[in-house]
Amino acid sequence: MIIFAIIVTIVIGVIGSAIGYKGNAAELGPILSIATMGGFIMAYIRKISN
C-alpha cells in the first residue's frame, strides 16, 4: 500500500506540473501531490480506527 501511494503521488505530481505549466500555474503539481498523499494518510487512519 505504501509503495502504491508513493507511485500514485509521484504520477499525480508530474501530471499536475505538466497541466500547470500549460495553464500558467506551475505550483499545481506539488499542490496535487500533497493533497493526494494527505488523502492516502486519511484513508489509512480511517482504516485503522475501524
N, C-alpha and C. Protein backbone atom coordinates (compact mmCIF):
# COMPACT_ATOMS: atom_id res chain seq x y z
N MET A 1 0.82 -1.19 0.00
CA MET A 1 0.00 0.00 0.00
C MET A 1 0.87 1.26 0.00
N ILE A 2 1.96 1.23 0.75
CA ILE A 2 2.82 2.41 0.84
C ILE A 2 3.50 2.68 -0.50
N ILE A 3 4.00 1.65 -1.14
CA ILE A 3 4.65 1.81 -2.44
C ILE A 3 3.65 2.34 -3.46
N PHE A 4 2.44 1.80 -3.45
CA PHE A 4 1.38 2.26 -4.35
C PHE A 4 1.09 3.74 -4.12
N ALA A 5 0.99 4.16 -2.87
CA ALA A 5 0.71 5.56 -2.55
C ALA A 5 1.83 6.47 -3.05
N ILE A 6 3.06 6.04 -2.89
CA ILE A 6 4.20 6.84 -3.35
C ILE A 6 4.19 6.98 -4.87
N ILE A 7 3.96 5.88 -5.56
CA ILE A 7 3.96 5.91 -7.02
C ILE A 7 2.82 6.78 -7.54
N VAL A 8 1.63 6.62 -6.97
CA VAL A 8 0.49 7.43 -7.41
C VAL A 8 0.74 8.91 -7.13
N THR A 9 1.32 9.22 -5.99
CA THR A 9 1.61 10.61 -5.66
C THR A 9 2.60 11.24 -6.64
N ILE A 10 3.63 10.49 -7.01
CA ILE A 10 4.60 11.00 -7.97
C ILE A 10 3.95 11.21 -9.33
N VAL A 11 3.14 10.25 -9.76
CA VAL A 11 2.48 10.38 -11.06
C VAL A 11 1.54 11.58 -11.08
N ILE A 12 0.75 11.74 -10.02
CA ILE A 12 -0.16 12.88 -9.93
C ILE A 12 0.63 14.19 -9.94
N GLY A 13 1.75 14.23 -9.26
CA GLY A 13 2.58 15.43 -9.25
C GLY A 13 3.12 15.79 -10.62
N VAL A 14 3.58 14.79 -11.36
CA VAL A 14 4.12 15.03 -12.70
C VAL A 14 3.01 15.50 -13.64
N ILE A 15 1.87 14.83 -13.58
CA ILE A 15 0.74 15.24 -14.43
C ILE A 15 0.27 16.63 -14.05
N GLY A 16 0.18 16.91 -12.77
CA GLY A 16 -0.23 18.24 -12.32
C GLY A 16 0.73 19.33 -12.76
N SER A 17 2.03 19.03 -12.72
CA SER A 17 3.02 20.00 -13.17
C SER A 17 2.90 20.25 -14.67
N ALA A 18 2.67 19.19 -15.42
CA ALA A 18 2.52 19.34 -16.87
C ALA A 18 1.30 20.19 -17.20
N ILE A 19 0.20 19.93 -16.54
CA ILE A 19 -1.01 20.72 -16.75
C ILE A 19 -0.79 22.15 -16.26
N GLY A 20 -0.12 22.29 -15.14
CA GLY A 20 0.12 23.61 -14.58
C GLY A 20 0.98 24.50 -15.45
N TYR A 21 1.99 23.91 -16.07
CA TYR A 21 2.86 24.72 -16.93
C TYR A 21 2.12 25.22 -18.16
N LYS A 22 1.18 24.40 -18.65
CA LYS A 22 0.38 24.83 -19.79
C LYS A 22 -0.62 25.91 -19.39
N GLY A 23 -1.11 25.82 -18.16
CA GLY A 23 -2.11 26.78 -17.70
C GLY A 23 -1.55 27.92 -16.88
N ASN A 24 -0.22 28.09 -16.91
CA ASN A 24 0.46 29.17 -16.19
C ASN A 24 0.25 29.08 -14.67
N ALA A 25 0.26 27.87 -14.15
CA ALA A 25 0.16 27.64 -12.72
C ALA A 25 1.15 26.53 -12.35
N ALA A 26 2.43 26.86 -12.33
CA ALA A 26 3.49 25.86 -12.15
C ALA A 26 3.41 25.14 -10.81
N GLU A 27 2.78 25.74 -9.81
CA GLU A 27 2.72 25.12 -8.48
C GLU A 27 1.61 24.09 -8.36
N LEU A 28 0.89 23.79 -9.42
CA LEU A 28 -0.21 22.84 -9.36
C LEU A 28 0.27 21.42 -9.04
N GLY A 29 1.42 21.01 -9.55
CA GLY A 29 1.95 19.67 -9.30
C GLY A 29 2.19 19.39 -7.82
N PRO A 30 2.96 20.23 -7.13
CA PRO A 30 3.18 19.99 -5.71
C PRO A 30 1.89 20.05 -4.88
N ILE A 31 0.98 20.93 -5.25
CA ILE A 31 -0.28 21.02 -4.51
C ILE A 31 -1.07 19.73 -4.65
N LEU A 32 -1.17 19.20 -5.86
CA LEU A 32 -1.89 17.95 -6.07
C LEU A 32 -1.19 16.77 -5.40
N SER A 33 0.15 16.79 -5.38
CA SER A 33 0.89 15.71 -4.72
C SER A 33 0.62 15.69 -3.22
N ILE A 34 0.65 16.85 -2.61
CA ILE A 34 0.39 16.94 -1.17
C ILE A 34 -1.04 16.53 -0.85
N ALA A 35 -1.99 16.96 -1.67
CA ALA A 35 -3.38 16.59 -1.45
C ALA A 35 -3.59 15.08 -1.62
N THR A 36 -2.93 14.49 -2.59
CA THR A 36 -3.05 13.05 -2.81
C THR A 36 -2.48 12.27 -1.62
N MET A 37 -1.29 12.64 -1.17
CA MET A 37 -0.70 11.93 -0.04
C MET A 37 -1.53 12.13 1.22
N GLY A 38 -2.09 13.33 1.40
CA GLY A 38 -2.98 13.55 2.54
C GLY A 38 -4.21 12.66 2.49
N GLY A 39 -4.73 12.46 1.30
CA GLY A 39 -5.87 11.55 1.14
C GLY A 39 -5.51 10.12 1.50
N PHE A 40 -4.33 9.67 1.08
CA PHE A 40 -3.89 8.32 1.44
C PHE A 40 -3.70 8.20 2.96
N ILE A 41 -3.14 9.21 3.59
CA ILE A 41 -2.94 9.17 5.04
C ILE A 41 -4.27 9.14 5.77
N MET A 42 -5.22 9.97 5.34
CA MET A 42 -6.54 9.97 5.99
C MET A 42 -7.27 8.65 5.79
N ALA A 43 -7.15 8.05 4.61
CA ALA A 43 -7.77 6.74 4.37
C ALA A 43 -7.14 5.67 5.26
N TYR A 44 -5.84 5.73 5.45
CA TYR A 44 -5.16 4.76 6.29
C TYR A 44 -5.59 4.92 7.76
N ILE A 45 -5.69 6.15 8.22
CA ILE A 45 -6.11 6.39 9.60
C ILE A 45 -7.54 5.90 9.80
N ARG A 46 -8.39 6.16 8.82
CA ARG A 46 -9.78 5.69 8.93
C ARG A 46 -9.83 4.16 8.95
N LYS A 47 -8.98 3.51 8.15
CA LYS A 47 -8.93 2.05 8.10
C LYS A 47 -8.49 1.48 9.44
N ILE A 48 -7.52 2.13 10.09
CA ILE A 48 -7.02 1.65 11.37
C ILE A 48 -8.07 1.84 12.47
N SER A 49 -8.78 2.96 12.44
CA SER A 49 -9.71 3.27 13.54
C SER A 49 -10.98 2.43 13.50
N ASN A 50 -11.27 1.82 12.36
CA ASN A 50 -12.49 0.98 12.28
C ASN A 50 -12.22 -0.44 12.62
